[in-house]
Amino acid sequence: MTATAFERQLAQHGSPALAGIKPANIITFSAKDDEDGCGLRELTAIYNRRFQGQDLAFQLLCECPRSRILMVYRPSLLEFHVKHPEVKAVLKQMGYDTGRTEVMLKQLGRRIRESRLKGGFPHEIGLFLGYPVEDVVGFMENKGQNYLYSCYWKVYSDVERAKAWCRRWEKVRDGLLKVVDSGRSIYDMFYTETVA
């Protein structure tokens, strides 16, 4: 995968976390993306070095046979989010060791790998991505049915809040895509000028 293609994927699917308005995003890459140019593992290491000290991290959660799942996250926001009492209670109930965020991410990665082998996905990932607890729990209880609205997730509670969040995320995404498509890097966008 080329650095340009990687940046475009980051802009397309990771913009809210990159901009710090969401604790995390995940991006799914095809295993074939590892065949051209740099491998995803190498690009992840490069970007972690590039953004070191900027409260931005990149972690491969799963290197499955057909796909790779990368989490883009703001460590301070993610830590704050998963320590929220309601989030922490749900994660603890699901068997997560809620003491350290790094440990929870390793557990999440393991659950993703195990779920993918069975053709599923661990729905609690929504808690790490900053989705409202009531929506994540609603999704699990309703098995993905009976939702009130759908954008980036299935909404079971506050539809107007969800619509506002989706609009904001899309605005940030569109702005970052313009930056990347103009040939500038995401790093330059965030760390050489003020982000609106």
N, C-alpha and C. Protein backbone atom coordinates (compact mmCIF):
# COMPACT_ATOMS: atom_id res chain seq x y z
N MET A 1 0.86 -1.17 0.00
CA MET A 1 0.00 0.00 0.00
C MET A 1 0.90 1.23 0.00
N THR A 2 0.53 2.21 -0.78
CA THR A 2 1.32 3.44 -0.79
C THR A 2 0.91 4.32 0.39
N ALA A 3 1.80 5.23 0.77
CA ALA A 3 1.49 6.17 1.85
C ALA A 3 0.29 7.03 1.46
N THR A 4 0.17 7.39 0.18
CA THR A 4 -0.95 8.21 -0.28
C THR A 4 -2.27 7.46 -0.12
N ALA A 5 -2.29 6.20 -0.50
CA ALA A 5 -3.52 5.39 -0.34
C ALA A 5 -3.86 5.22 1.14
N PHE A 6 -2.84 5.03 1.97
CA PHE A 6 -3.05 4.90 3.40
C PHE A 6 -3.65 6.18 3.97
N GLU A 7 -3.10 7.32 3.58
CA GLU A 7 -3.62 8.61 4.07
C GLU A 7 -5.07 8.81 3.63
N ARG A 8 -5.38 8.40 2.42
CA ARG A 8 -6.76 8.57 1.94
C ARG A 8 -7.72 7.72 2.78
N GLN A 9 -7.32 6.50 3.11
CA GLN A 9 -8.14 5.65 3.97
C GLN A 9 -8.28 6.26 5.37
N LEU A 10 -7.18 6.81 5.89
CA LEU A 10 -7.26 7.47 7.20
C LEU A 10 -8.25 8.63 7.15
N ALA A 11 -8.18 9.42 6.09
CA ALA A 11 -9.10 10.57 5.97
C ALA A 11 -10.54 10.10 5.80
N GLN A 12 -10.74 9.09 4.97
CA GLN A 12 -12.09 8.61 4.69
C GLN A 12 -12.76 7.99 5.91
N HIS A 13 -12.00 7.18 6.66
CA HIS A 13 -12.62 6.39 7.72
C HIS A 13 -12.15 6.72 9.13
N GLY A 14 -11.14 7.58 9.28
CA GLY A 14 -10.61 7.87 10.60
C GLY A 14 -10.65 9.33 10.99
N SER A 15 -11.29 10.16 10.19
CA SER A 15 -11.28 11.61 10.41
C SER A 15 -11.75 12.05 11.79
N PRO A 16 -12.86 11.54 12.32
CA PRO A 16 -13.29 12.01 13.64
C PRO A 16 -12.25 11.78 14.74
N ALA A 17 -11.59 10.62 14.71
CA ALA A 17 -10.54 10.37 15.71
C ALA A 17 -9.32 11.23 15.43
N LEU A 18 -8.95 11.37 14.16
CA LEU A 18 -7.81 12.22 13.82
C LEU A 18 -8.03 13.65 14.31
N ALA A 19 -9.26 14.13 14.17
CA ALA A 19 -9.58 15.51 14.56
C ALA A 19 -9.83 15.65 16.06
N GLY A 20 -9.91 14.54 16.77
CA GLY A 20 -10.11 14.60 18.21
C GLY A 20 -11.54 14.85 18.64
N ILE A 21 -12.50 14.57 17.77
CA ILE A 21 -13.91 14.75 18.14
C ILE A 21 -14.57 13.41 18.45
N LYS A 22 -13.80 12.36 18.40
CA LYS A 22 -14.26 11.00 18.69
C LYS A 22 -13.04 10.26 19.23
N PRO A 23 -13.21 9.35 20.20
CA PRO A 23 -12.03 8.70 20.75
C PRO A 23 -11.31 7.77 19.79
N ALA A 24 -12.06 7.12 18.89
CA ALA A 24 -11.43 6.13 18.02
C ALA A 24 -12.29 5.86 16.79
N ASN A 25 -11.62 5.39 15.77
CA ASN A 25 -12.27 4.86 14.57
C ASN A 25 -11.53 3.58 14.20
N ILE A 26 -12.22 2.70 13.50
CA ILE A 26 -11.54 1.54 12.93
C ILE A 26 -11.62 1.63 11.42
N ILE A 27 -10.59 1.08 10.79
CA ILE A 27 -10.52 1.05 9.34
C ILE A 27 -10.19 -0.38 8.95
N THR A 28 -10.98 -0.93 8.04
CA THR A 28 -10.74 -2.29 7.56
C THR A 28 -10.03 -2.21 6.21
N PHE A 29 -8.90 -2.88 6.13
CA PHE A 29 -8.12 -2.97 4.90
C PHE A 29 -8.17 -4.40 4.39
N SER A 30 -8.13 -4.55 3.09
CA SER A 30 -8.03 -5.88 2.50
C SER A 30 -6.63 -6.42 2.73
N ALA A 31 -6.51 -7.73 2.88
CA ALA A 31 -5.19 -8.34 3.02
C ALA A 31 -4.35 -8.06 1.77
N LYS A 32 -5.00 -7.85 0.63
CA LYS A 32 -4.28 -7.54 -0.61
C LYS A 32 -3.56 -6.20 -0.53
N ASP A 33 -4.04 -5.29 0.35
CA ASP A 33 -3.38 -4.00 0.51
C ASP A 33 -1.94 -4.16 0.99
N ASP A 34 -1.65 -5.27 1.64
CA ASP A 34 -0.29 -5.53 2.12
C ASP A 34 0.66 -5.94 1.00
N GLU A 35 0.10 -6.26 -0.16
CA GLU A 35 0.93 -6.77 -1.26
C GLU A 35 1.62 -5.66 -2.05
N ASP A 36 1.05 -4.47 -2.08
CA ASP A 36 1.60 -3.38 -2.88
C ASP A 36 2.25 -2.34 -1.99
N GLY A 37 3.51 -1.98 -2.27
CA GLY A 37 4.19 -0.94 -1.51
C GLY A 37 4.50 -1.40 -0.10
N CYS A 38 4.33 -0.52 0.86
CA CYS A 38 4.59 -0.84 2.27
C CYS A 38 3.47 -1.72 2.81
N GLY A 39 3.82 -2.57 3.75
CA GLY A 39 2.81 -3.35 4.43
C GLY A 39 2.11 -2.49 5.47
N LEU A 40 0.92 -2.88 5.84
CA LEU A 40 0.15 -2.11 6.81
C LEU A 40 0.85 -2.04 8.17
N ARG A 41 1.50 -3.11 8.55
CA ARG A 41 2.24 -3.11 9.81
C ARG A 41 3.36 -2.06 9.78
N GLU A 42 4.05 -1.97 8.66
CA GLU A 42 5.13 -0.98 8.52
C GLU A 42 4.57 0.45 8.53
N LEU A 43 3.48 0.67 7.80
CA LEU A 43 2.86 2.00 7.79
C LEU A 43 2.36 2.39 9.17
N THR A 44 1.80 1.42 9.89
CA THR A 44 1.33 1.70 11.26
C THR A 44 2.50 2.15 12.13
N ALA A 45 3.63 1.49 12.02
CA ALA A 45 4.81 1.87 12.81
C ALA A 45 5.31 3.26 12.41
N ILE A 46 5.32 3.54 11.12
CA ILE A 46 5.76 4.85 10.63
C ILE A 46 4.87 5.95 11.19
N TYR A 47 3.56 5.74 11.14
CA TYR A 47 2.62 6.77 11.60
C TYR A 47 2.65 6.92 13.12
N ASN A 48 2.88 5.84 13.84
CA ASN A 48 3.04 5.96 15.29
C ASN A 48 4.26 6.80 15.63
N ARG A 49 5.34 6.62 14.89
CA ARG A 49 6.54 7.46 15.13
C ARG A 49 6.26 8.91 14.74
N ARG A 50 5.61 9.10 13.61
CA ARG A 50 5.34 10.45 13.12
C ARG A 50 4.48 11.25 14.09
N PHE A 51 3.51 10.59 14.70
CA PHE A 51 2.57 11.29 15.59
C PHE A 51 2.90 11.10 17.07
N GLN A 52 4.07 10.58 17.35
CA GLN A 52 4.49 10.38 18.74
C GLN A 52 4.47 11.71 19.48
N GLY A 53 3.87 11.70 20.66
CA GLY A 53 3.77 12.91 21.46
C GLY A 53 2.61 13.82 21.06
N GLN A 54 1.79 13.39 20.10
CA GLN A 54 0.67 14.19 19.62
C GLN A 54 -0.69 13.65 20.07
N ASP A 55 -0.70 12.70 21.01
CA ASP A 55 -1.93 12.08 21.49
C ASP A 55 -2.74 11.46 20.34
N LEU A 56 -2.02 10.76 19.46
CA LEU A 56 -2.65 10.05 18.36
C LEU A 56 -1.90 8.74 18.17
N ALA A 57 -2.65 7.64 18.10
CA ALA A 57 -2.02 6.33 17.97
C ALA A 57 -2.74 5.48 16.94
N PHE A 58 -2.01 4.52 16.43
CA PHE A 58 -2.50 3.60 15.41
C PHE A 58 -2.18 2.19 15.88
N GLN A 59 -3.19 1.31 15.91
CA GLN A 59 -2.95 -0.05 16.40
C GLN A 59 -3.69 -1.04 15.52
N LEU A 60 -2.95 -2.03 15.03
CA LEU A 60 -3.57 -3.12 14.30
C LEU A 60 -4.25 -4.03 15.33
N LEU A 61 -5.57 -4.09 15.28
CA LEU A 61 -6.32 -4.92 16.21
C LEU A 61 -6.40 -6.36 15.73
N CYS A 62 -6.41 -6.52 14.41
CA CYS A 62 -6.59 -7.86 13.85
C CYS A 62 -5.89 -7.95 12.51
N GLU A 63 -5.09 -8.99 12.36
CA GLU A 63 -4.52 -9.32 11.06
C GLU A 63 -5.12 -10.66 10.67
N CYS A 64 -6.33 -10.57 10.18
CA CYS A 64 -7.10 -11.76 9.82
C CYS A 64 -6.68 -12.22 8.42
N PRO A 65 -7.04 -13.44 8.03
CA PRO A 65 -6.61 -13.94 6.71
C PRO A 65 -7.01 -13.05 5.53
N ARG A 66 -8.20 -12.48 5.55
CA ARG A 66 -8.65 -11.68 4.41
C ARG A 66 -8.63 -10.18 4.65
N SER A 67 -8.46 -9.76 5.90
CA SER A 67 -8.52 -8.33 6.17
C SER A 67 -7.63 -7.95 7.35
N ARG A 68 -7.38 -6.66 7.45
CA ARG A 68 -6.63 -6.08 8.57
C ARG A 68 -7.52 -4.99 9.17
N ILE A 69 -7.59 -4.94 10.49
CA ILE A 69 -8.42 -3.92 11.14
C ILE A 69 -7.49 -3.02 11.95
N LEU A 70 -7.47 -1.77 11.58
CA LEU A 70 -6.62 -0.77 12.21
C LEU A 70 -7.48 0.16 13.05
N MET A 71 -7.06 0.41 14.29
CA MET A 71 -7.73 1.41 15.12
C MET A 71 -6.89 2.67 15.12
N VAL A 72 -7.53 3.78 14.81
CA VAL A 72 -6.93 5.11 14.92
C VAL A 72 -7.57 5.72 16.15
N TYR A 73 -6.75 6.16 17.12
CA TYR A 73 -7.37 6.65 18.34
C TYR A 73 -6.53 7.73 19.02
N ARG A 74 -7.25 8.48 19.83
CA ARG A 74 -6.65 9.49 20.70
C ARG A 74 -6.55 8.85 22.09
N PRO A 75 -5.35 8.46 22.52
CA PRO A 75 -5.22 7.75 23.81
C PRO A 75 -5.90 8.46 24.98
N SER A 76 -5.75 9.77 25.08
CA SER A 76 -6.36 10.46 26.23
C SER A 76 -7.89 10.43 26.15
N LEU A 77 -8.45 10.61 24.96
CA LEU A 77 -9.91 10.56 24.81
C LEU A 77 -10.45 9.15 25.04
N LEU A 78 -9.74 8.17 24.51
CA LEU A 78 -10.20 6.79 24.67
C LEU A 78 -10.15 6.39 26.15
N GLU A 79 -9.06 6.74 26.81
CA GLU A 79 -8.94 6.43 28.25
C GLU A 79 -10.08 7.07 29.04
N PHE A 80 -10.36 8.34 28.76
CA PHE A 80 -11.44 9.05 29.44
C PHE A 80 -12.78 8.36 29.16
N HIS A 81 -13.00 8.00 27.90
CA HIS A 81 -14.27 7.41 27.50
C HIS A 81 -14.51 6.05 28.15
N VAL A 82 -13.51 5.17 28.10
CA VAL A 82 -13.73 3.82 28.63
C VAL A 82 -13.75 3.79 30.16
N LYS A 83 -13.33 4.87 30.80
CA LYS A 83 -13.39 4.95 32.26
C LYS A 83 -14.72 5.53 32.74
N HIS A 84 -15.55 6.00 31.80
CA HIS A 84 -16.88 6.50 32.17
C HIS A 84 -17.62 5.35 32.86
N PRO A 85 -18.26 5.61 34.00
CA PRO A 85 -18.88 4.52 34.77
C PRO A 85 -19.81 3.60 33.98
N GLU A 86 -20.65 4.16 33.09
CA GLU A 86 -21.57 3.31 32.34
C GLU A 86 -20.82 2.42 31.34
N VAL A 87 -19.84 3.01 30.66
CA VAL A 87 -19.04 2.25 29.69
C VAL A 87 -18.26 1.16 30.42
N LYS A 88 -17.60 1.55 31.47
CA LYS A 88 -16.79 0.62 32.26
C LYS A 88 -17.62 -0.54 32.78
N ALA A 89 -18.83 -0.25 33.24
CA ALA A 89 -19.71 -1.31 33.77
C ALA A 89 -20.06 -2.33 32.69
N VAL A 90 -20.39 -1.85 31.50
CA VAL A 90 -20.74 -2.77 30.41
C VAL A 90 -19.53 -3.61 30.02
N LEU A 91 -18.37 -2.96 29.88
CA LEU A 91 -17.17 -3.70 29.50
C LEU A 91 -16.79 -4.73 30.57
N LYS A 92 -16.91 -4.35 31.81
CA LYS A 92 -16.60 -5.27 32.91
C LYS A 92 -17.55 -6.46 32.86
N GLN A 93 -18.83 -6.19 32.62
CA GLN A 93 -19.84 -7.25 32.53
C GLN A 93 -19.52 -8.21 31.38
N MET A 94 -18.87 -7.70 30.34
CA MET A 94 -18.52 -8.53 29.18
C MET A 94 -17.18 -9.24 29.36
N GLY A 95 -16.58 -9.07 30.54
CA GLY A 95 -15.35 -9.80 30.83
C GLY A 95 -14.06 -9.04 30.58
N TYR A 96 -14.15 -7.76 30.29
CA TYR A 96 -12.93 -6.97 30.07
C TYR A 96 -12.28 -6.61 31.40
N ASP A 97 -10.97 -6.60 31.40
CA ASP A 97 -10.18 -6.10 32.53
C ASP A 97 -10.12 -4.60 32.34
N THR A 98 -10.90 -3.86 33.09
CA THR A 98 -11.05 -2.42 32.86
C THR A 98 -10.01 -1.57 33.57
N GLY A 99 -8.92 -2.18 34.01
CA GLY A 99 -7.88 -1.43 34.70
C GLY A 99 -7.06 -0.53 33.78
N ARG A 100 -6.61 -1.06 32.65
CA ARG A 100 -5.76 -0.30 31.74
C ARG A 100 -6.29 -0.38 30.32
N THR A 101 -6.28 0.75 29.64
CA THR A 101 -6.80 0.82 28.28
C THR A 101 -6.04 -0.10 27.34
N GLU A 102 -4.70 -0.15 27.47
CA GLU A 102 -3.90 -1.00 26.58
C GLU A 102 -4.31 -2.47 26.70
N VAL A 103 -4.62 -2.89 27.92
CA VAL A 103 -5.05 -4.28 28.14
C VAL A 103 -6.41 -4.49 27.48
N MET A 104 -7.31 -3.53 27.61
CA MET A 104 -8.63 -3.66 26.99
C MET A 104 -8.51 -3.75 25.47
N LEU A 105 -7.59 -2.97 24.87
CA LEU A 105 -7.41 -3.03 23.42
C LEU A 105 -6.88 -4.39 22.98
N LYS A 106 -6.00 -4.98 23.77
CA LYS A 106 -5.52 -6.33 23.45
C LYS A 106 -6.66 -7.33 23.54
N GLN A 107 -7.50 -7.19 24.56
CA GLN A 107 -8.66 -8.07 24.70
C GLN A 107 -9.61 -7.87 23.51
N LEU A 108 -9.83 -6.63 23.12
CA LEU A 108 -10.70 -6.35 21.98
C LEU A 108 -10.14 -7.00 20.71
N GLY A 109 -8.84 -6.85 20.48
CA GLY A 109 -8.22 -7.47 19.31
C GLY A 109 -8.41 -8.98 19.31
N ARG A 110 -8.24 -9.61 20.46
CA ARG A 110 -8.43 -11.05 20.58
C ARG A 110 -9.89 -11.42 20.27
N ARG A 111 -10.83 -10.63 20.80
CA ARG A 111 -12.25 -10.91 20.55
C ARG A 111 -12.61 -10.72 19.07
N ILE A 112 -11.98 -9.72 18.43
CA ILE A 112 -12.23 -9.54 17.00
C ILE A 112 -11.76 -10.77 16.24
N ARG A 113 -10.55 -11.23 16.51
CA ARG A 113 -10.01 -12.41 15.81
C ARG A 113 -10.90 -13.62 16.04
N GLU A 114 -11.32 -13.86 17.27
CA GLU A 114 -12.17 -15.00 17.59
C GLU A 114 -13.53 -14.88 16.90
N SER A 115 -14.10 -13.69 16.92
CA SER A 115 -15.42 -13.47 16.30
C SER A 115 -15.35 -13.63 14.79
N ARG A 116 -14.28 -13.13 14.19
CA ARG A 116 -14.14 -13.22 12.73
C ARG A 116 -14.06 -14.68 12.28
N LEU A 117 -13.43 -15.52 13.07
CA LEU A 117 -13.34 -16.94 12.72
C LEU A 117 -14.73 -17.58 12.69
N LYS A 118 -15.66 -17.02 13.47
CA LYS A 118 -17.02 -17.54 13.52
C LYS A 118 -17.97 -16.74 12.62
N GLY A 119 -17.42 -15.79 11.86
CA GLY A 119 -18.23 -14.99 10.95
C GLY A 119 -18.94 -13.82 11.61
N GLY A 120 -18.51 -13.41 12.79
CA GLY A 120 -19.17 -12.31 13.50
C GLY A 120 -18.21 -11.17 13.80
N PHE A 121 -18.64 -10.35 14.75
CA PHE A 121 -17.86 -9.20 15.16
C PHE A 121 -18.30 -8.84 16.59
N PRO A 122 -17.37 -8.48 17.46
CA PRO A 122 -17.77 -8.13 18.83
C PRO A 122 -18.44 -6.76 18.89
N HIS A 123 -19.70 -6.74 19.18
CA HIS A 123 -20.48 -5.49 19.12
C HIS A 123 -20.08 -4.46 20.17
N GLU A 124 -19.42 -4.89 21.23
CA GLU A 124 -18.96 -3.93 22.23
C GLU A 124 -17.91 -2.97 21.68
N ILE A 125 -17.44 -3.22 20.48
CA ILE A 125 -16.46 -2.31 19.89
C ILE A 125 -17.02 -0.89 19.82
N GLY A 126 -18.34 -0.78 19.70
CA GLY A 126 -18.96 0.55 19.68
C GLY A 126 -18.64 1.38 20.91
N LEU A 127 -18.41 0.72 22.04
CA LEU A 127 -18.05 1.44 23.26
C LEU A 127 -16.67 2.08 23.12
N PHE A 128 -15.76 1.41 22.44
CA PHE A 128 -14.42 1.95 22.22
C PHE A 128 -14.45 3.08 21.18
N LEU A 129 -15.41 3.01 20.27
CA LEU A 129 -15.51 4.00 19.20
C LEU A 129 -16.26 5.26 19.61
N GLY A 130 -16.77 5.28 20.83
CA GLY A 130 -17.43 6.48 21.34
C GLY A 130 -18.91 6.56 21.07
N TYR A 131 -19.52 5.47 20.62
CA TYR A 131 -20.95 5.47 20.41
C TYR A 131 -21.65 5.47 21.76
N PRO A 132 -22.84 6.04 21.85
CA PRO A 132 -23.56 6.07 23.13
C PRO A 132 -23.80 4.67 23.69
N VAL A 133 -23.61 4.54 24.98
CA VAL A 133 -23.77 3.25 25.65
C VAL A 133 -25.15 2.66 25.37
N GLU A 134 -26.18 3.50 25.47
CA GLU A 134 -27.53 2.99 25.27
C GLU A 134 -27.75 2.44 23.85
N ASP A 135 -27.01 2.99 22.88
CA ASP A 135 -27.13 2.47 21.51
C ASP A 135 -26.39 1.15 21.35
N VAL A 136 -25.21 1.04 21.96
CA VAL A 136 -24.45 -0.21 21.88
C VAL A 136 -25.22 -1.33 22.58
N VAL A 137 -25.72 -1.05 23.77
CA VAL A 137 -26.51 -2.04 24.51
C VAL A 137 -27.80 -2.36 23.76
N GLY A 138 -28.44 -1.33 23.21
CA GLY A 138 -29.66 -1.54 22.42
C GLY A 138 -29.42 -2.43 21.22
N PHE A 139 -28.29 -2.23 20.55
CA PHE A 139 -27.94 -3.07 19.41
C PHE A 139 -27.79 -4.53 19.83
N MET A 140 -27.08 -4.74 20.93
CA MET A 140 -26.84 -6.12 21.40
C MET A 140 -28.15 -6.78 21.84
N GLU A 141 -28.98 -6.03 22.58
CA GLU A 141 -30.24 -6.60 23.07
C GLU A 141 -31.22 -6.88 21.95
N ASN A 142 -31.20 -6.03 20.91
CA ASN A 142 -32.14 -6.18 19.80
C ASN A 142 -31.55 -6.93 18.61
N LYS A 143 -30.31 -7.41 18.77
CA LYS A 143 -29.63 -8.15 17.69
C LYS A 143 -29.62 -7.35 16.39
N GLY A 144 -29.42 -6.03 16.52
CA GLY A 144 -29.32 -5.17 15.35
C GLY A 144 -30.66 -4.79 14.71
N GLN A 145 -31.76 -5.19 15.31
CA GLN A 145 -33.09 -4.89 14.77
C GLN A 145 -33.74 -3.76 15.58
N ASN A 146 -34.88 -3.26 15.11
CA ASN A 146 -35.72 -2.30 15.84
C ASN A 146 -35.04 -0.97 16.15
N TYR A 147 -34.07 -0.57 15.39
CA TYR A 147 -33.39 0.70 15.63
C TYR A 147 -34.23 1.87 15.12
N LEU A 148 -33.98 3.04 15.65
CA LEU A 148 -34.73 4.25 15.30
C LEU A 148 -34.12 4.99 14.12
N TYR A 149 -32.82 4.84 13.94
CA TYR A 149 -32.09 5.58 12.91
C TYR A 149 -30.75 4.88 12.70
N SER A 150 -30.19 5.04 11.52
CA SER A 150 -28.89 4.45 11.24
C SER A 150 -28.04 5.43 10.46
N CYS A 151 -26.84 5.65 10.92
CA CYS A 151 -25.84 6.41 10.15
C CYS A 151 -24.55 5.60 10.22
N TYR A 152 -23.65 5.92 11.12
CA TYR A 152 -22.43 5.13 11.29
C TYR A 152 -22.65 4.00 12.28
N TRP A 153 -23.73 4.03 12.96
CA TRP A 153 -24.11 2.98 13.89
C TRP A 153 -25.64 2.96 13.95
N LYS A 154 -26.20 1.94 14.53
CA LYS A 154 -27.65 1.85 14.68
C LYS A 154 -28.03 2.53 15.99
N VAL A 155 -28.97 3.46 15.89
CA VAL A 155 -29.34 4.34 17.00
C VAL A 155 -30.61 3.82 17.66
N TYR A 156 -30.54 3.70 18.99
CA TYR A 156 -31.67 3.23 19.78
C TYR A 156 -32.14 4.27 20.78
N SER A 157 -31.49 5.44 20.81
CA SER A 157 -31.85 6.42 21.83
C SER A 157 -32.11 7.79 21.20
N ASP A 158 -31.16 8.67 21.21
CA ASP A 158 -31.32 10.07 20.82
C ASP A 158 -31.00 10.28 19.34
N VAL A 159 -32.03 10.26 18.51
CA VAL A 159 -31.86 10.37 17.06
C VAL A 159 -31.28 11.72 16.66
N GLU A 160 -31.75 12.79 17.26
CA GLU A 160 -31.25 14.13 16.89
C GLU A 160 -29.77 14.28 17.23
N ARG A 161 -29.35 13.76 18.36
CA ARG A 161 -27.92 13.78 18.72
C ARG A 161 -27.13 13.01 17.68
N ALA A 162 -27.61 11.84 17.30
CA ALA A 162 -26.91 11.01 16.31
C ALA A 162 -26.79 11.74 14.98
N LYS A 163 -27.86 12.38 14.54
CA LYS A 163 -27.81 13.12 13.27
C LYS A 163 -26.79 14.25 13.33
N ALA A 164 -26.75 14.96 14.45
CA ALA A 164 -25.79 16.06 14.61
C ALA A 164 -24.36 15.53 14.59
N TRP A 165 -24.12 14.43 15.29
CA TRP A 165 -22.77 13.83 15.30
C TRP A 165 -22.38 13.40 13.89
N CYS A 166 -23.29 12.74 13.19
CA CYS A 166 -22.98 12.27 11.84
C CYS A 166 -22.65 13.43 10.90
N ARG A 167 -23.41 14.51 10.99
CA ARG A 167 -23.13 15.69 10.14
C ARG A 167 -21.74 16.25 10.46
N ARG A 168 -21.42 16.33 11.75
CA ARG A 168 -20.12 16.88 12.15
C ARG A 168 -18.99 15.97 11.65
N TRP A 169 -19.14 14.67 11.81
CA TRP A 169 -18.11 13.73 11.37
C TRP A 169 -17.93 13.81 9.85
N GLU A 170 -19.03 13.93 9.12
CA GLU A 170 -18.94 14.01 7.66
C GLU A 170 -18.26 15.30 7.21
N LYS A 171 -18.51 16.38 7.90
CA LYS A 171 -17.85 17.65 7.58
C LYS A 171 -16.33 17.53 7.77
N VAL A 172 -15.93 16.92 8.87
CA VAL A 172 -14.50 16.72 9.13
C VAL A 172 -13.91 15.79 8.08
N ARG A 173 -14.60 14.70 7.78
CA ARG A 173 -14.14 13.76 6.75
C ARG A 173 -13.94 14.45 5.41
N ASP A 174 -14.93 15.22 4.99
CA ASP A 174 -14.83 15.90 3.69
C ASP A 174 -13.66 16.88 3.66
N GLY A 175 -13.43 17.56 4.78
CA GLY A 175 -12.31 18.49 4.86
C GLY A 175 -10.97 17.78 4.76
N LEU A 176 -10.84 16.67 5.46
CA LEU A 176 -9.58 15.92 5.41
C LEU A 176 -9.35 15.27 4.05
N LEU A 177 -10.42 14.81 3.42
CA LEU A 177 -10.27 14.25 2.07
C LEU A 177 -9.76 15.31 1.10
N LYS A 178 -10.25 16.53 1.23
CA LYS A 178 -9.75 17.61 0.36
C LYS A 178 -8.26 17.84 0.58
N VAL A 179 -7.84 17.81 1.83
CA VAL A 179 -6.42 17.99 2.16
C VAL A 179 -5.58 16.91 1.50
N VAL A 180 -5.98 15.65 1.71
CA VAL A 180 -5.22 14.53 1.17
C VAL A 180 -5.24 14.55 -0.36
N ASP A 181 -6.40 14.82 -0.94
CA ASP A 181 -6.51 14.85 -2.40
C ASP A 181 -5.72 16.00 -3.02
N SER A 182 -5.41 17.03 -2.24
CA SER A 182 -4.61 18.15 -2.75
C SER A 182 -3.11 17.84 -2.67
N GLY A 183 -2.78 16.69 -2.08
CA GLY A 183 -1.38 16.30 -1.99
C GLY A 183 -0.70 16.62 -0.67
N ARG A 184 -1.42 17.24 0.25
CA ARG A 184 -0.85 17.54 1.57
C ARG A 184 -1.04 16.35 2.49
N SER A 185 -0.21 16.26 3.50
CA SER A 185 -0.33 15.14 4.43
C SER A 185 -1.24 15.52 5.60
N ILE A 186 -1.78 14.50 6.23
CA ILE A 186 -2.62 14.71 7.41
C ILE A 186 -1.80 15.34 8.52
N TYR A 187 -0.55 14.90 8.68
CA TYR A 187 0.31 15.47 9.71
C TYR A 187 0.45 16.99 9.50
N ASP A 188 0.72 17.40 8.27
CA ASP A 188 0.85 18.83 7.98
C ASP A 188 -0.44 19.59 8.28
N MET A 189 -1.56 18.97 7.98
CA MET A 189 -2.85 19.61 8.23
C MET A 189 -3.04 19.90 9.71
N PHE A 190 -2.71 18.92 10.55
CA PHE A 190 -2.97 19.07 11.98
C PHE A 190 -1.87 19.79 12.74
N TYR A 191 -0.63 19.69 12.27
CA TYR A 191 0.45 20.19 13.09
C TYR A 191 1.26 21.32 12.45
N THR A 192 0.75 21.87 11.35
CA THR A 192 1.40 23.07 10.80
C THR A 192 0.43 24.23 10.69
N GLU A 193 -0.83 23.96 11.01
CA GLU A 193 -1.84 25.04 11.04
C GLU A 193 -2.93 24.68 12.01
N THR A 194 -3.73 25.64 12.38
CA THR A 194 -4.82 25.43 13.33
C THR A 194 -5.98 24.72 12.64
N VAL A 195 -6.53 23.72 13.32
CA VAL A 195 -7.68 22.99 12.80
C VAL A 195 -8.94 23.66 13.31
N ALA A 196 -9.91 23.90 12.43
CA ALA A 196 -11.17 24.53 12.82
C ALA A 196 -12.08 23.55 13.47
